[in-house]
Amino acid sequence: MEQLLSASITEFDIPMRIAIPLDNAHIRRLKDLVTLSRVDLCNINRIGEKAADEIERILKRFGLSLSMKV
């Protein structure tokens, strides 16, 4: 699990329209992403509800979710 959480978000199917705003917010690893709440995620510039839904779907494929304690 630690190896998965240490992976760069660019290694997953996260579209560039989502990956770029995440990178601008210094969210570069899955562990950075999964510790965010949905509200925190939607407060990132250029990340809205639709992008948050897509991120949650991607995380779910790997058995992860937002607001995880890591």
PDB file of N, CA and C in Angstrom:
ATOM      1  N   MET A   1       0.828  -1.196   0.000  1.00  0.00           N
ATOM      2  CA  MET A   1       0.000   0.000   0.000  1.00  0.00           C
ATOM      3  C   MET A   1       0.869   1.256   0.000  1.00  0.00           C
ATOM      4  N   GLU A   2       1.950   1.247   0.793  1.00  0.00           N
ATOM      5  CA  GLU A   2       2.820   2.424   0.865  1.00  0.00           C
ATOM      6  C   GLU A   2       3.428   2.739  -0.503  1.00  0.00           C
ATOM      7  N   GLN A   3       3.771   1.693  -1.259  1.00  0.00           N
ATOM      8  CA  GLN A   3       4.336   1.902  -2.593  1.00  0.00           C
ATOM      9  C   GLN A   3       3.301   2.549  -3.512  1.00  0.00           C
ATOM     10  N   LEU A   4       2.063   2.103  -3.409  1.00  0.00           N
ATOM     11  CA  LEU A   4       0.985   2.689  -4.212  1.00  0.00           C
ATOM     12  C   LEU A   4       0.780   4.150  -3.848  1.00  0.00           C
ATOM     13  N   LEU A   5       0.739   4.451  -2.559  1.00  0.00           N
ATOM     14  CA  LEU A   5       0.513   5.825  -2.115  1.00  0.00           C
ATOM     15  C   LEU A   5       1.675   6.749  -2.472  1.00  0.00           C
ATOM     16  N   SER A   6       2.871   6.187  -2.625  1.00  0.00           N
ATOM     17  CA  SER A   6       4.040   6.992  -2.981  1.00  0.00           C
ATOM     18  C   SER A   6       4.137   7.263  -4.481  1.00  0.00           C
ATOM     19  N   ALA A   7       3.272   6.638  -5.257  1.00  0.00           N
ATOM     20  CA  ALA A   7       3.311   6.790  -6.711  1.00  0.00           C
ATOM     21  C   ALA A   7       2.858   8.192  -7.124  1.00  0.00           C
ATOM     22  N   SER A   8       3.447   8.670  -8.194  1.00  0.00           N
ATOM     23  CA  SER A   8       3.071   9.961  -8.763  1.00  0.00           C
ATOM     24  C   SER A   8       1.678   9.864  -9.382  1.00  0.00           C
ATOM     25  N   ILE A   9       0.901  10.922  -9.258  1.00  0.00           N
ATOM     26  CA  ILE A   9      -0.444  10.902  -9.846  1.00  0.00           C
ATOM     27  C   ILE A   9      -0.399  10.803 -11.363  1.00  0.00           C
ATOM     28  N   THR A  10       0.718  11.174 -11.964  1.00  0.00           N
ATOM     29  CA  THR A  10       0.826  11.091 -13.424  1.00  0.00           C
ATOM     30  C   THR A  10       0.922   9.647 -13.914  1.00  0.00           C
ATOM     31  N   GLU A  11       1.151   8.699 -13.004  1.00  0.00           N
ATOM     32  CA  GLU A  11       1.226   7.290 -13.385  1.00  0.00           C
ATOM     33  C   GLU A  11      -0.156   6.657 -13.526  1.00  0.00           C
ATOM     34  N   PHE A  12      -1.191   7.390 -13.218  1.00  0.00           N
ATOM     35  CA  PHE A  12      -2.550   6.864 -13.264  1.00  0.00           C
ATOM     36  C   PHE A  12      -3.326   7.557 -14.369  1.00  0.00           C
ATOM     37  N   ASP A  13      -4.562   7.180 -14.550  1.00  0.00           N
ATOM     38  CA  ASP A  13      -5.377   7.695 -15.655  1.00  0.00           C
ATOM     39  C   ASP A  13      -5.987   9.053 -15.354  1.00  0.00           C
ATOM     40  N   ILE A  14      -5.245   9.902 -14.656  1.00  0.00           N
ATOM     41  CA  ILE A  14      -5.764  11.225 -14.329  1.00  0.00           C
ATOM     42  C   ILE A  14      -5.505  12.141 -15.521  1.00  0.00           C
ATOM     43  N   PRO A  15      -6.567  12.680 -16.116  1.00  0.00           N
ATOM     44  CA  PRO A  15      -6.393  13.548 -17.290  1.00  0.00           C
ATOM     45  C   PRO A  15      -5.555  14.790 -16.955  1.00  0.00           C
ATOM     46  N   MET A  16      -4.871  15.290 -17.951  1.00  0.00           N
ATOM     47  CA  MET A  16      -4.007  16.450 -17.753  1.00  0.00           C
ATOM     48  C   MET A  16      -4.794  17.674 -17.274  1.00  0.00           C
ATOM     49  N   ARG A  17      -6.055  17.809 -17.677  1.00  0.00           N
ATOM     50  CA  ARG A  17      -6.857  18.950 -17.230  1.00  0.00           C
ATOM     51  C   ARG A  17      -7.079  18.916 -15.724  1.00  0.00           C
ATOM     52  N   ILE A  18      -6.890  17.752 -15.108  1.00  0.00           N
ATOM     53  CA  ILE A  18      -6.985  17.610 -13.661  1.00  0.00           C
ATOM     54  C   ILE A  18      -5.589  17.563 -13.035  1.00  0.00           C
ATOM     55  N   ALA A  19      -4.666  16.873 -13.690  1.00  0.00           N
ATOM     56  CA  ALA A  19      -3.308  16.719 -13.142  1.00  0.00           C
ATOM     57  C   ALA A  19      -2.576  18.051 -13.014  1.00  0.00           C
ATOM     58  N   ILE A  20      -2.763  18.947 -13.966  1.00  0.00           N
ATOM     59  CA  ILE A  20      -2.061  20.244 -13.927  1.00  0.00           C
ATOM     60  C   ILE A  20      -2.497  21.086 -12.732  1.00  0.00           C
ATOM     61  N   PRO A  21      -3.810  21.260 -12.485  1.00  0.00           N
ATOM     62  CA  PRO A  21      -4.194  22.019 -11.291  1.00  0.00           C
ATOM     63  C   PRO A  21      -3.734  21.351  -9.988  1.00  0.00           C
ATOM     64  N   LEU A  22      -3.743  20.019  -9.952  1.00  0.00           N
ATOM     65  CA  LEU A  22      -3.246  19.321  -8.764  1.00  0.00           C
ATOM     66  C   LEU A  22      -1.761  19.608  -8.563  1.00  0.00           C
ATOM     67  N   ASP A  23      -1.000  19.553  -9.634  1.00  0.00           N
ATOM     68  CA  ASP A  23       0.435  19.840  -9.551  1.00  0.00           C
ATOM     69  C   ASP A  23       0.664  21.285  -9.090  1.00  0.00           C
ATOM     70  N   ASN A  24      -0.120  22.203  -9.594  1.00  0.00           N
ATOM     71  CA  ASN A  24      -0.004  23.610  -9.184  1.00  0.00           C
ATOM     72  C   ASN A  24      -0.297  23.795  -7.694  1.00  0.00           C
ATOM     73  N   ALA A  25      -1.109  22.888  -7.133  1.00  0.00           N
ATOM     74  CA  ALA A  25      -1.437  22.930  -5.704  1.00  0.00           C
ATOM     75  C   ALA A  25      -0.468  22.063  -4.890  1.00  0.00           C
ATOM     76  N   HIS A  26       0.610  21.617  -5.530  1.00  0.00           N
ATOM     77  CA  HIS A  26       1.651  20.798  -4.894  1.00  0.00           C
ATOM     78  C   HIS A  26       1.131  19.427  -4.459  1.00  0.00           C
ATOM     79  N   ILE A  27       0.172  18.897  -5.201  1.00  0.00           N
ATOM     80  CA  ILE A  27      -0.341  17.548  -4.962  1.00  0.00           C
ATOM     81  C   ILE A  27       0.216  16.683  -6.076  1.00  0.00           C
ATOM     82  N   ARG A  28       1.249  15.941  -5.751  1.00  0.00           N
ATOM     83  CA  ARG A  28       1.978  15.202  -6.773  1.00  0.00           C
ATOM     84  C   ARG A  28       1.979  13.693  -6.566  1.00  0.00           C
ATOM     85  N   ARG A  29       1.649  13.235  -5.389  1.00  0.00           N
ATOM     86  CA  ARG A  29       1.634  11.806  -5.056  1.00  0.00           C
ATOM     87  C   ARG A  29       0.219  11.415  -4.631  1.00  0.00           C
ATOM     88  N   LEU A  30      -0.090  10.138  -4.779  1.00  0.00           N
ATOM     89  CA  LEU A  30      -1.413   9.674  -4.367  1.00  0.00           C
ATOM     90  C   LEU A  30      -1.666   9.946  -2.894  1.00  0.00           C
ATOM     91  N   LYS A  31      -0.615   9.821  -2.061  1.00  0.00           N
ATOM     92  CA  LYS A  31      -0.831  10.070  -0.628  1.00  0.00           C
ATOM     93  C   LYS A  31      -1.212  11.521  -0.367  1.00  0.00           C
ATOM     94  N   ASP A  32      -0.739  12.453  -1.197  1.00  0.00           N
ATOM     95  CA  ASP A  32      -1.150  13.851  -1.070  1.00  0.00           C
ATOM     96  C   ASP A  32      -2.631  14.008  -1.427  1.00  0.00           C
ATOM     97  N   LEU A  33      -3.054  13.251  -2.415  1.00  0.00           N
ATOM     98  CA  LEU A  33      -4.420  13.360  -2.922  1.00  0.00           C
ATOM     99  C   LEU A  33      -5.430  12.719  -1.979  1.00  0.00           C
ATOM    100  N   VAL A  34      -5.139  11.513  -1.486  1.00  0.00           N
ATOM    101  CA  VAL A  34      -6.131  10.797  -0.681  1.00  0.00           C
ATOM    102  C   VAL A  34      -6.353  11.423   0.696  1.00  0.00           C
ATOM    103  N   THR A  35      -5.437  12.266   1.147  1.00  0.00           N
ATOM    104  CA  THR A  35      -5.635  12.911   2.453  1.00  0.00           C
ATOM    105  C   THR A  35      -6.573  14.111   2.363  1.00  0.00           C
ATOM    106  N   LEU A  36      -6.872  14.547   1.148  1.00  0.00           N
ATOM    107  CA  LEU A  36      -7.780  15.685   0.962  1.00  0.00           C
ATOM    108  C   LEU A  36      -9.234  15.253   1.118  1.00  0.00           C
ATOM    109  N   SER A  37     -10.043  16.141   1.637  1.00  0.00           N
ATOM    110  CA  SER A  37     -11.489  15.912   1.627  1.00  0.00           C
ATOM    111  C   SER A  37     -12.016  16.384   0.267  1.00  0.00           C
ATOM    112  N   ARG A  38     -13.239  16.037  -0.026  1.00  0.00           N
ATOM    113  CA  ARG A  38     -13.838  16.497  -1.290  1.00  0.00           C
ATOM    114  C   ARG A  38     -13.924  18.020  -1.320  1.00  0.00           C
ATOM    115  N   VAL A  39     -14.234  18.641  -0.185  1.00  0.00           N
ATOM    116  CA  VAL A  39     -14.305  20.105  -0.105  1.00  0.00           C
ATOM    117  C   VAL A  39     -12.934  20.707  -0.389  1.00  0.00           C
ATOM    118  N   ASP A  40     -11.878  20.145   0.223  1.00  0.00           N
ATOM    119  CA  ASP A  40     -10.516  20.625  -0.029  1.00  0.00           C
ATOM    120  C   ASP A  40     -10.175  20.506  -1.513  1.00  0.00           C
ATOM    121  N   LEU A  41     -10.543  19.378  -2.092  1.00  0.00           N
ATOM    122  CA  LEU A  41     -10.260  19.137  -3.502  1.00  0.00           C
ATOM    123  C   LEU A  41     -10.963  20.162  -4.386  1.00  0.00           C
ATOM    124  N   CYS A  42     -12.227  20.419  -4.099  1.00  0.00           N
ATOM    125  CA  CYS A  42     -12.998  21.373  -4.914  1.00  0.00           C
ATOM    126  C   CYS A  42     -12.554  22.817  -4.692  1.00  0.00           C
ATOM    127  N   ASN A  43     -11.828  23.081  -3.626  1.00  0.00           N
ATOM    128  CA  ASN A  43     -11.301  24.422  -3.387  1.00  0.00           C
ATOM    129  C   ASN A  43     -10.027  24.707  -4.180  1.00  0.00           C
ATOM    130  N   ILE A  44      -9.481  23.685  -4.834  1.00  0.00           N
ATOM    131  CA  ILE A  44      -8.308  23.880  -5.683  1.00  0.00           C
ATOM    132  C   ILE A  44      -8.765  24.556  -6.968  1.00  0.00           C
ATOM    133  N   ASN A  45      -8.034  25.579  -7.368  1.00  0.00           N
ATOM    134  CA  ASN A  45      -8.355  26.313  -8.582  1.00  0.00           C
ATOM    135  C   ASN A  45      -8.439  25.363  -9.778  1.00  0.00           C
ATOM    136  N   ARG A  46      -9.545  25.449 -10.528  1.00  0.00           N
ATOM    137  CA  ARG A  46      -9.807  24.650 -11.729  1.00  0.00           C
ATOM    138  C   ARG A  46     -10.169  23.191 -11.441  1.00  0.00           C
ATOM    139  N   ILE A  47     -10.500  22.869 -10.194  1.00  0.00           N
ATOM    140  CA  ILE A  47     -11.028  21.540  -9.867  1.00  0.00           C
ATOM    141  C   ILE A  47     -12.457  21.743  -9.373  1.00  0.00           C
ATOM    142  N   GLY A  48     -13.399  21.218 -10.117  1.00  0.00           N
ATOM    143  CA  GLY A  48     -14.805  21.353  -9.744  1.00  0.00           C
ATOM    144  C   GLY A  48     -15.412  20.005  -9.392  1.00  0.00           C
ATOM    145  N   GLU A  49     -16.732  19.990  -9.306  1.00  0.00           N
ATOM    146  CA  GLU A  49     -17.448  18.773  -8.929  1.00  0.00           C
ATOM    147  C   GLU A  49     -17.216  17.630  -9.920  1.00  0.00           C
ATOM    148  N   LYS A  50     -17.225  17.946 -11.196  1.00  0.00           N
ATOM    149  CA  LYS A  50     -17.037  16.917 -12.222  1.00  0.00           C
ATOM    150  C   LYS A  50     -15.638  16.298 -12.115  1.00  0.00           C
ATOM    151  N   ALA A  51     -14.623  17.128 -11.917  1.00  0.00           N
ATOM    152  CA  ALA A  51     -13.255  16.626 -11.762  1.00  0.00           C
ATOM    153  C   ALA A  51     -13.137  15.815 -10.475  1.00  0.00           C
ATOM    154  N   ALA A  52     -13.793  16.267  -9.409  1.00  0.00           N
ATOM    155  CA  ALA A  52     -13.764  15.527  -8.141  1.00  0.00           C
ATOM    156  C   ALA A  52     -14.415  14.159  -8.306  1.00  0.00           C
ATOM    157  N   ASP A  53     -15.518  14.093  -9.040  1.00  0.00           N
ATOM    158  CA  ASP A  53     -16.168  12.805  -9.320  1.00  0.00           C
ATOM    159  C   ASP A  53     -15.217  11.876 -10.057  1.00  0.00           C
ATOM    160  N   GLU A  54     -14.520  12.406 -11.043  1.00  0.00           N
ATOM    161  CA  GLU A  54     -13.589  11.602 -11.831  1.00  0.00           C
ATOM    162  C   GLU A  54     -12.429  11.104 -10.964  1.00  0.00           C
ATOM    163  N   ILE A  55     -11.910  11.963 -10.119  1.00  0.00           N
ATOM    164  CA  ILE A  55     -10.820  11.570  -9.211  1.00  0.00           C
ATOM    165  C   ILE A  55     -11.297  10.467  -8.274  1.00  0.00           C
ATOM    166  N   GLU A  56     -12.494  10.596  -7.732  1.00  0.00           N
ATOM    167  CA  GLU A  56     -13.019   9.572  -6.834  1.00  0.00           C
ATOM    168  C   GLU A  56     -13.182   8.232  -7.540  1.00  0.00           C
ATOM    169  N   ARG A  57     -13.618   8.253  -8.799  1.00  0.00           N
ATOM    170  CA  ARG A  57     -13.750   7.008  -9.576  1.00  0.00           C
ATOM    171  C   ARG A  57     -12.386   6.354  -9.781  1.00  0.00           C
ATOM    172  N   ILE A  58     -11.382   7.157 -10.096  1.00  0.00           N
ATOM    173  CA  ILE A  58     -10.031   6.628 -10.312  1.00  0.00           C
ATOM    174  C   ILE A  58      -9.485   6.032  -9.019  1.00  0.00           C
ATOM    175  N   LEU A  59      -9.636   6.750  -7.921  1.00  0.00           N
ATOM    176  CA  LEU A  59      -9.147   6.251  -6.630  1.00  0.00           C
ATOM    177  C   LEU A  59      -9.839   4.942  -6.248  1.00  0.00           C
ATOM    178  N   LYS A  60     -11.134   4.860  -6.502  1.00  0.00           N
ATOM    179  CA  LYS A  60     -11.904   3.667  -6.140  1.00  0.00           C
ATOM    180  C   LYS A  60     -11.362   2.425  -6.851  1.00  0.00           C
ATOM    181  N   ARG A  61     -10.890   2.575  -8.085  1.00  0.00           N
ATOM    182  CA  ARG A  61     -10.324   1.441  -8.828  1.00  0.00           C
ATOM    183  C   ARG A  61      -9.119   0.831  -8.110  1.00  0.00           C
ATOM    184  N   PHE A  62      -8.461   1.627  -7.298  1.00  0.00           N
ATOM    185  CA  PHE A  62      -7.267   1.159  -6.582  1.00  0.00           C
ATOM    186  C   PHE A  62      -7.547   0.922  -5.098  1.00  0.00           C
ATOM    187  N   GLY A  63      -8.822   0.912  -4.724  1.00  0.00           N
ATOM    188  CA  GLY A  63      -9.204   0.671  -3.343  1.00  0.00           C
ATOM    189  C   GLY A  63      -8.907   1.849  -2.435  1.00  0.00           C
ATOM    190  N   LEU A  64      -8.853   3.049  -3.011  1.00  0.00           N
ATOM    191  CA  LEU A  64      -8.546   4.262  -2.252  1.00  0.00           C
ATOM    192  C   LEU A  64      -9.746   5.195  -2.284  1.00  0.00           C
ATOM    193  N   SER A  65      -9.699   6.208  -1.428  1.00  0.00           N
ATOM    194  CA  SER A  65     -10.768   7.216  -1.411  1.00  0.00           C
ATOM    195  C   SER A  65     -10.193   8.526  -0.871  1.00  0.00           C
ATOM    196  N   LEU A  66     -10.977   9.560  -0.964  1.00  0.00           N
ATOM    197  CA  LEU A  66     -10.595  10.842  -0.373  1.00  0.00           C
ATOM    198  C   LEU A  66     -10.744  10.749   1.145  1.00  0.00           C
ATOM    199  N   SER A  67     -10.089  11.641   1.855  1.00  0.00           N
ATOM    200  CA  SER A  67     -10.155  11.746   3.320  1.00  0.00           C
ATOM    201  C   SER A  67      -9.619  10.524   4.043  1.00  0.00           C
ATOM    202  N   MET A  68      -8.668   9.822   3.426  1.00  0.00           N
ATOM    203  CA  MET A  68      -8.057   8.659   4.087  1.00  0.00           C
ATOM    204  C   MET A  68      -7.021   9.112   5.109  1.00  0.00           C
ATOM    205  N   LYS A  69      -6.871   8.330   6.152  1.00  0.00           N
ATOM    206  CA  LYS A  69      -5.797   8.538   7.131  1.00  0.00           C
ATOM    207  C   LYS A  69      -4.624   7.663   6.711  1.00  0.00           C
ATOM    208  N   VAL A  70      -3.523   8.314   6.331  1.00  0.00           N
ATOM    209  CA  VAL A  70      -2.331   7.540   5.888  1.00  0.00           C
ATOM    210  C   VAL A  70      -1.145   7.830   6.781  1.00  0.00           C
TER     211      VAL A  70
END
